[in-house]
Every structure is written in C-alpha cells, then in structure tokens.
Amino acid sequence: AFCKTHGLNVSITRCCNNYGPSQHGEKL
C-alpha cells in the first residue's frame, strides 16, 4: 500500500524455513 500510495521503493521477500549457526533454541 505504501508503494502504491506514496511511491515508496519497496520490495517484499517471502522465504522458506531457515537454518544455520546460532539459531534460537526453540526453533525446530
């Protein structure tokens, strides 16, 4: 909406599950 209304140069990313070092302990 801010892109459409105000012309803000915004992109959205939608990522799958992440893994790697130092991930919080409650994650899978």
PDB file of all heavy atoms in Angstrom:
ATOM      1  N   ALA A   1       0.825  -1.207   0.000  1.00  0.00           N
ATOM      2  CA  ALA A   1       0.000   0.000   0.000  1.00  0.00           C
ATOM      3  C   ALA A   1       0.859   1.258   0.000  1.00  0.00           C
ATOM      4  O   ALA A   1       0.550   2.241  -0.686  1.00  0.00           O
ATOM      5  CB  ALA A   1      -0.935  -0.016   1.213  1.00  0.00           C
ATOM      6  N   PHE A   2       1.962   1.250   0.757  1.00  0.00           N
ATOM      7  CA  PHE A   2       2.852   2.411   0.779  1.00  0.00           C
ATOM      8  C   PHE A   2       3.566   2.577  -0.559  1.00  0.00           C
ATOM      9  O   PHE A   2       3.878   3.694  -0.971  1.00  0.00           O
ATOM     10  CB  PHE A   2       3.854   2.287   1.930  1.00  0.00           C
ATOM     11  CG  PHE A   2       3.360   2.884   3.215  1.00  0.00           C
ATOM     12  CD1 PHE A   2       2.410   2.230   3.985  1.00  0.00           C
ATOM     13  CD2 PHE A   2       3.838   4.109   3.647  1.00  0.00           C
ATOM     14  CE1 PHE A   2       1.941   2.788   5.161  1.00  0.00           C
ATOM     15  CE2 PHE A   2       3.379   4.678   4.822  1.00  0.00           C
ATOM     16  CZ  PHE A   2       2.413   4.016   5.592  1.00  0.00           C
ATOM     17  N   CYS A   3       3.820   1.480  -1.241  1.00  0.00           N
ATOM     18  CA  CYS A   3       4.400   1.559  -2.581  1.00  0.00           C
ATOM     19  C   CYS A   3       3.411   2.207  -3.544  1.00  0.00           C
ATOM     20  O   CYS A   3       3.761   3.128  -4.293  1.00  0.00           O
ATOM     21  CB  CYS A   3       4.789   0.170  -3.060  1.00  0.00           C
ATOM     22  SG  CYS A   3       5.493   0.117  -4.723  1.00  0.00           S
ATOM     23  N   LYS A   4       2.165   1.741  -3.504  1.00  0.00           N
ATOM     24  CA  LYS A   4       1.140   2.248  -4.415  1.00  0.00           C
ATOM     25  C   LYS A   4       0.756   3.689  -4.098  1.00  0.00           C
ATOM     26  O   LYS A   4       0.638   4.538  -4.992  1.00  0.00           O
ATOM     27  CB  LYS A   4      -0.092   1.341  -4.333  1.00  0.00           C
ATOM     28  CG  LYS A   4      -1.225   1.706  -5.267  1.00  0.00           C
ATOM     29  CD  LYS A   4      -0.862   1.430  -6.707  1.00  0.00           C
ATOM     30  CE  LYS A   4      -2.073   1.628  -7.627  1.00  0.00           C
ATOM     31  NZ  LYS A   4      -1.741   1.360  -9.042  1.00  0.00           N
ATOM     32  N   THR A   5       0.560   3.975  -2.817  1.00  0.00           N
ATOM     33  CA  THR A   5       0.057   5.287  -2.414  1.00  0.00           C
ATOM     34  C   THR A   5       1.133   6.366  -2.452  1.00  0.00           C
ATOM     35  O   THR A   5       0.905   7.471  -2.938  1.00  0.00           O
ATOM     36  CB  THR A   5      -0.546   5.211  -0.995  1.00  0.00           C
ATOM     37  OG1 THR A   5      -1.576   4.235  -0.975  1.00  0.00           O
ATOM     38  CG2 THR A   5      -1.102   6.552  -0.564  1.00  0.00           C
ATOM     39  N   HIS A   6       2.310   6.025  -1.920  1.00  0.00           N
ATOM     40  CA  HIS A   6       3.359   7.031  -1.753  1.00  0.00           C
ATOM     41  C   HIS A   6       4.520   6.884  -2.736  1.00  0.00           C
ATOM     42  O   HIS A   6       5.419   7.727  -2.755  1.00  0.00           O
ATOM     43  CB  HIS A   6       3.929   6.964  -0.328  1.00  0.00           C
ATOM     44  CG  HIS A   6       2.915   7.259   0.744  1.00  0.00           C
ATOM     45  ND1 HIS A   6       2.413   8.523   0.962  1.00  0.00           N
ATOM     46  CD2 HIS A   6       2.317   6.448   1.668  1.00  0.00           C
ATOM     47  CE1 HIS A   6       1.551   8.497   1.975  1.00  0.00           C
ATOM     48  NE2 HIS A   6       1.465   7.246   2.408  1.00  0.00           N
ATOM     49  N   GLY A   7       4.524   5.800  -3.514  1.00  0.00           N
ATOM     50  CA  GLY A   7       5.653   5.593  -4.424  1.00  0.00           C
ATOM     51  C   GLY A   7       6.905   5.108  -3.727  1.00  0.00           C
ATOM     52  O   GLY A   7       8.012   5.225  -4.279  1.00  0.00           O
ATOM     53  N   LEU A   8       6.764   4.536  -2.515  1.00  0.00           N
ATOM     54  CA  LEU A   8       7.931   4.029  -1.798  1.00  0.00           C
ATOM     55  C   LEU A   8       8.533   2.853  -2.570  1.00  0.00           C
ATOM     56  O   LEU A   8       7.819   1.934  -2.986  1.00  0.00           O
ATOM     57  CB  LEU A   8       7.537   3.581  -0.395  1.00  0.00           C
ATOM     58  CG  LEU A   8       8.663   3.034   0.500  1.00  0.00           C
ATOM     59  CD1 LEU A   8       9.682   4.117   0.812  1.00  0.00           C
ATOM     60  CD2 LEU A   8       8.087   2.469   1.804  1.00  0.00           C
ATOM     61  N   ASN A   9       9.829   2.860  -2.735  1.00  0.00           N
ATOM     62  CA  ASN A   9      10.530   1.815  -3.484  1.00  0.00           C
ATOM     63  C   ASN A   9      10.742   0.607  -2.573  1.00  0.00           C
ATOM     64  O   ASN A   9      11.820   0.395  -2.029  1.00  0.00           O
ATOM     65  CB  ASN A   9      11.864   2.359  -3.998  1.00  0.00           C
ATOM     66  CG  ASN A   9      12.586   1.381  -4.901  1.00  0.00           C
ATOM     67  OD1 ASN A   9      12.092   0.293  -5.176  1.00  0.00           O
ATOM     68  ND2 ASN A   9      13.769   1.754  -5.349  1.00  0.00           N
ATOM     69  N   VAL A  10       9.693  -0.181  -2.428  1.00  0.00           N
ATOM     70  CA  VAL A  10       9.722  -1.318  -1.504  1.00  0.00           C
ATOM     71  C   VAL A  10       9.505  -2.616  -2.262  1.00  0.00           C
ATOM     72  O   VAL A  10       8.679  -2.697  -3.165  1.00  0.00           O
ATOM     73  CB  VAL A  10       8.657  -1.157  -0.385  1.00  0.00           C
ATOM     74  CG1 VAL A  10       7.268  -1.006  -0.938  1.00  0.00           C
ATOM     75  CG2 VAL A  10       8.710  -2.317   0.605  1.00  0.00           C
ATOM     76  N   SER A  11      10.292  -3.627  -1.912  1.00  0.00           N
ATOM     77  CA  SER A  11      10.086  -4.993  -2.374  1.00  0.00           C
ATOM     78  C   SER A  11       9.852  -5.880  -1.159  1.00  0.00           C
ATOM     79  O   SER A  11      10.325  -5.572  -0.058  1.00  0.00           O
ATOM     80  CB  SER A  11      11.293  -5.514  -3.157  1.00  0.00           C
ATOM     81  OG  SER A  11      11.513  -4.777  -4.336  1.00  0.00           O
ATOM     82  N   ILE A  12       9.149  -6.984  -1.370  1.00  0.00           N
ATOM     83  CA  ILE A  12       8.858  -7.934  -0.302  1.00  0.00           C
ATOM     84  C   ILE A  12       9.527  -9.259  -0.631  1.00  0.00           C
ATOM     85  O   ILE A  12       9.502  -9.705  -1.776  1.00  0.00           O
ATOM     86  CB  ILE A  12       7.339  -8.148  -0.152  1.00  0.00           C
ATOM     87  CG1 ILE A  12       6.661  -6.844   0.270  1.00  0.00           C
ATOM     88  CG2 ILE A  12       7.029  -9.263   0.858  1.00  0.00           C
ATOM     89  CD1 ILE A  12       5.140  -6.920   0.251  1.00  0.00           C
ATOM     90  N   THR A  13      10.136  -9.877   0.362  1.00  0.00           N
ATOM     91  CA  THR A  13      10.675 -11.227   0.203  1.00  0.00           C
ATOM     92  C   THR A  13       9.911 -12.177   1.103  1.00  0.00           C
ATOM     93  O   THR A  13       9.546 -11.832   2.225  1.00  0.00           O
ATOM     94  CB  THR A  13      12.170 -11.301   0.540  1.00  0.00           C
ATOM     95  OG1 THR A  13      12.369 -10.960   1.919  1.00  0.00           O
ATOM     96  CG2 THR A  13      12.978 -10.351  -0.332  1.00  0.00           C
ATOM     97  N   ARG A  14       9.657 -13.384   0.582  1.00  0.00           N
ATOM     98  CA  ARG A  14       8.989 -14.425   1.368  1.00  0.00           C
ATOM     99  C   ARG A  14       9.839 -15.678   1.288  1.00  0.00           C
ATOM    100  O   ARG A  14       9.950 -16.296   0.230  1.00  0.00           O
ATOM    101  CB  ARG A  14       7.568 -14.675   0.837  1.00  0.00           C
ATOM    102  CG  ARG A  14       6.665 -13.467   1.031  1.00  0.00           C
ATOM    103  CD  ARG A  14       5.269 -13.651   0.485  1.00  0.00           C
ATOM    104  NE  ARG A  14       4.488 -12.444   0.709  1.00  0.00           N
ATOM    105  CZ  ARG A  14       3.541 -12.002  -0.121  1.00  0.00           C
ATOM    106  NH1 ARG A  14       3.249 -12.684  -1.227  1.00  0.00           N
ATOM    107  NH2 ARG A  14       2.889 -10.894   0.146  1.00  0.00           N
ATOM    108  N   CYS A  15      10.436 -16.035   2.403  1.00  0.00           N
ATOM    109  CA  CYS A  15      11.415 -17.111   2.440  1.00  0.00           C
ATOM    110  C   CYS A  15      10.853 -18.343   3.141  1.00  0.00           C
ATOM    111  O   CYS A  15       9.958 -18.246   3.994  1.00  0.00           O
ATOM    112  CB  CYS A  15      12.683 -16.648   3.157  1.00  0.00           C
ATOM    113  SG  CYS A  15      14.094 -17.761   2.956  1.00  0.00           S
ATOM    114  N   CYS A  16      11.413 -19.492   2.784  1.00  0.00           N
ATOM    115  CA  CYS A  16      11.073 -20.745   3.446  1.00  0.00           C
ATOM    116  C   CYS A  16      11.805 -20.836   4.790  1.00  0.00           C
ATOM    117  O   CYS A  16      12.471 -19.889   5.219  1.00  0.00           O
ATOM    118  CB  CYS A  16      11.427 -21.924   2.542  1.00  0.00           C
ATOM    119  SG  CYS A  16      13.194 -22.093   2.191  1.00  0.00           S
ATOM    120  N   ASN A  17      11.709 -21.972   5.460  1.00  0.00           N
ATOM    121  CA  ASN A  17      12.359 -22.160   6.756  1.00  0.00           C
ATOM    122  C   ASN A  17      13.878 -22.000   6.637  1.00  0.00           C
ATOM    123  O   ASN A  17      14.492 -22.561   5.744  1.00  0.00           O
ATOM    124  CB  ASN A  17      12.058 -23.561   7.305  1.00  0.00           C
ATOM    125  CG  ASN A  17      10.707 -23.644   7.972  1.00  0.00           C
ATOM    126  OD1 ASN A  17       9.781 -22.945   7.593  1.00  0.00           O
ATOM    127  ND2 ASN A  17      10.588 -24.515   8.960  1.00  0.00           N
ATOM    128  N   ASN A  18      14.442 -21.240   7.563  1.00  0.00           N
ATOM    129  CA  ASN A  18      15.886 -21.038   7.613  1.00  0.00           C
ATOM    130  C   ASN A  18      16.529 -21.971   8.631  1.00  0.00           C
ATOM    131  O   ASN A  18      15.896 -22.374   9.613  1.00  0.00           O
ATOM    132  CB  ASN A  18      16.211 -19.606   8.015  1.00  0.00           C
ATOM    133  CG  ASN A  18      16.162 -18.622   6.874  1.00  0.00           C
ATOM    134  OD1 ASN A  18      17.076 -17.840   6.670  1.00  0.00           O
ATOM    135  ND2 ASN A  18      15.076 -18.633   6.120  1.00  0.00           N
ATOM    136  N   TYR A  19      17.801 -22.268   8.405  1.00  0.00           N
ATOM    137  CA  TYR A  19      18.595 -22.990   9.394  1.00  0.00           C
ATOM    138  C   TYR A  19      20.026 -22.484   9.284  1.00  0.00           C
ATOM    139  O   TYR A  19      20.415 -21.848   8.299  1.00  0.00           O
ATOM    140  CB  TYR A  19      18.537 -24.508   9.172  1.00  0.00           C
ATOM    141  CG  TYR A  19      19.317 -24.977   7.959  1.00  0.00           C
ATOM    142  CD1 TYR A  19      20.609 -25.491   8.086  1.00  0.00           C
ATOM    143  CD2 TYR A  19      18.785 -24.881   6.680  1.00  0.00           C
ATOM    144  CE1 TYR A  19      21.336 -25.896   6.978  1.00  0.00           C
ATOM    145  CE2 TYR A  19      19.497 -25.290   5.570  1.00  0.00           C
ATOM    146  CZ  TYR A  19      20.773 -25.791   5.720  1.00  0.00           C
ATOM    147  OH  TYR A  19      21.489 -26.179   4.629  1.00  0.00           O
ATOM    148  N   GLY A  20      20.826 -22.747  10.323  1.00  0.00           N
ATOM    149  CA  GLY A  20      22.215 -22.317  10.328  1.00  0.00           C
ATOM    150  C   GLY A  20      22.695 -22.098  11.748  1.00  0.00           C
ATOM    151  O   GLY A  20      21.952 -22.304  12.718  1.00  0.00           O
ATOM    152  N   PRO A  21      23.956 -21.676  11.911  1.00  0.00           N
ATOM    153  CA  PRO A  21      24.521 -21.473  13.247  1.00  0.00           C
ATOM    154  C   PRO A  21      23.796 -20.376  14.020  1.00  0.00           C
ATOM    155  O   PRO A  21      23.312 -19.412  13.445  1.00  0.00           O
ATOM    156  CB  PRO A  21      25.970 -21.065  12.946  1.00  0.00           C
ATOM    157  CG  PRO A  21      26.238 -21.531  11.558  1.00  0.00           C
ATOM    158  CD  PRO A  21      24.937 -21.450  10.835  1.00  0.00           C
ATOM    159  N   SER A  22      23.714 -20.533  15.311  1.00  0.00           N
ATOM    160  CA  SER A  22      23.204 -19.559  16.289  1.00  0.00           C
ATOM    161  C   SER A  22      21.701 -19.320  16.190  1.00  0.00           C
ATOM    162  O   SER A  22      21.207 -18.302  16.659  1.00  0.00           O
ATOM    163  CB  SER A  22      23.955 -18.214  16.202  1.00  0.00           C
ATOM    164  OG  SER A  22      23.536 -17.430  15.100  1.00  0.00           O
ATOM    165  N   GLN A  23      20.962 -20.280  15.645  1.00  0.00           N
ATOM    166  CA  GLN A  23      19.506 -20.151  15.608  1.00  0.00           C
ATOM    167  C   GLN A  23      18.930 -20.318  17.016  1.00  0.00           C
ATOM    168  O   GLN A  23      19.452 -21.080  17.831  1.00  0.00           O
ATOM    169  CB  GLN A  23      18.910 -21.200  14.665  1.00  0.00           C
ATOM    170  CG  GLN A  23      17.436 -20.985  14.360  1.00  0.00           C
ATOM    171  CD  GLN A  23      16.946 -21.878  13.234  1.00  0.00           C
ATOM    172  OE1 GLN A  23      17.541 -22.910  12.934  1.00  0.00           O
ATOM    173  NE2 GLN A  23      15.857 -21.491  12.589  1.00  0.00           N
ATOM    174  N   HIS A  24      17.837 -19.598  17.305  1.00  0.00           N
ATOM    175  CA  HIS A  24      17.231 -19.663  18.632  1.00  0.00           C
ATOM    176  C   HIS A  24      16.795 -21.092  18.955  1.00  0.00           C
ATOM    177  O   HIS A  24      16.258 -21.804  18.105  1.00  0.00           O
ATOM    178  CB  HIS A  24      16.030 -18.720  18.710  1.00  0.00           C
ATOM    179  CG  HIS A  24      15.525 -18.520  20.100  1.00  0.00           C
ATOM    180  ND1 HIS A  24      14.595 -19.352  20.685  1.00  0.00           N
ATOM    181  CD2 HIS A  24      15.833 -17.595  21.033  1.00  0.00           C
ATOM    182  CE1 HIS A  24      14.350 -18.941  21.912  1.00  0.00           C
ATOM    183  NE2 HIS A  24      15.077 -17.867  22.147  1.00  0.00           N
ATOM    184  N   GLY A  25      16.996 -21.492  20.204  1.00  0.00           N
ATOM    185  CA  GLY A  25      16.821 -22.873  20.623  1.00  0.00           C
ATOM    186  C   GLY A  25      15.419 -23.416  20.515  1.00  0.00           C
ATOM    187  O   GLY A  25      15.230 -24.633  20.487  1.00  0.00           O
ATOM    188  N   GLU A  26      14.382 -22.560  20.446  1.00  0.00           N
ATOM    189  CA  GLU A  26      13.018 -23.079  20.380  1.00  0.00           C
ATOM    190  C   GLU A  26      12.607 -23.470  18.954  1.00  0.00           C
ATOM    191  O   GLU A  26      11.572 -24.109  18.765  1.00  0.00           O
ATOM    192  CB  GLU A  26      12.034 -22.046  20.930  1.00  0.00           C
ATOM    193  CG  GLU A  26      11.843 -20.830  20.048  1.00  0.00           C
ATOM    194  CD  GLU A  26      10.951 -19.770  20.701  1.00  0.00           C
ATOM    195  OE1 GLU A  26      10.504 -19.970  21.843  1.00  0.00           O
ATOM    196  OE2 GLU A  26      10.723 -18.736  20.063  1.00  0.00           O
ATOM    197  N   LYS A  27      13.403 -23.113  17.958  1.00  0.00           N
ATOM    198  CA  LYS A  27      13.083 -23.474  16.581  1.00  0.00           C
ATOM    199  C   LYS A  27      13.314 -24.972  16.360  1.00  0.00           C
ATOM    200  O   LYS A  27      13.989 -25.649  17.130  1.00  0.00           O
ATOM    201  CB  LYS A  27      13.910 -22.644  15.606  1.00  0.00           C
ATOM    202  CG  LYS A  27      13.643 -21.143  15.681  1.00  0.00           C
ATOM    203  CD  LYS A  27      12.240 -20.808  15.211  1.00  0.00           C
ATOM    204  CE  LYS A  27      12.021 -19.310  15.137  1.00  0.00           C
ATOM    205  NZ  LYS A  27      10.684 -18.961  14.622  1.00  0.00           N
ATOM    206  N   LEU A  28      12.783 -25.484  15.242  1.00  0.00           N
ATOM    207  CA  LEU A  28      12.734 -26.932  15.051  1.00  0.00           C
ATOM    208  C   LEU A  28      14.106 -27.590  14.982  1.00  0.00           C
ATOM    209  O   LEU A  28      14.367 -28.568  15.717  1.00  0.00           O
ATOM    210  CB  LEU A  28      11.939 -27.263  13.780  1.00  0.00           C
ATOM    211  CG  LEU A  28      11.814 -28.756  13.445  1.00  0.00           C
ATOM    212  CD1 LEU A  28      11.170 -29.529  14.582  1.00  0.00           C
ATOM    213  CD2 LEU A  28      11.025 -28.936  12.149  1.00  0.00           C
TER     214      LEU A  28
END
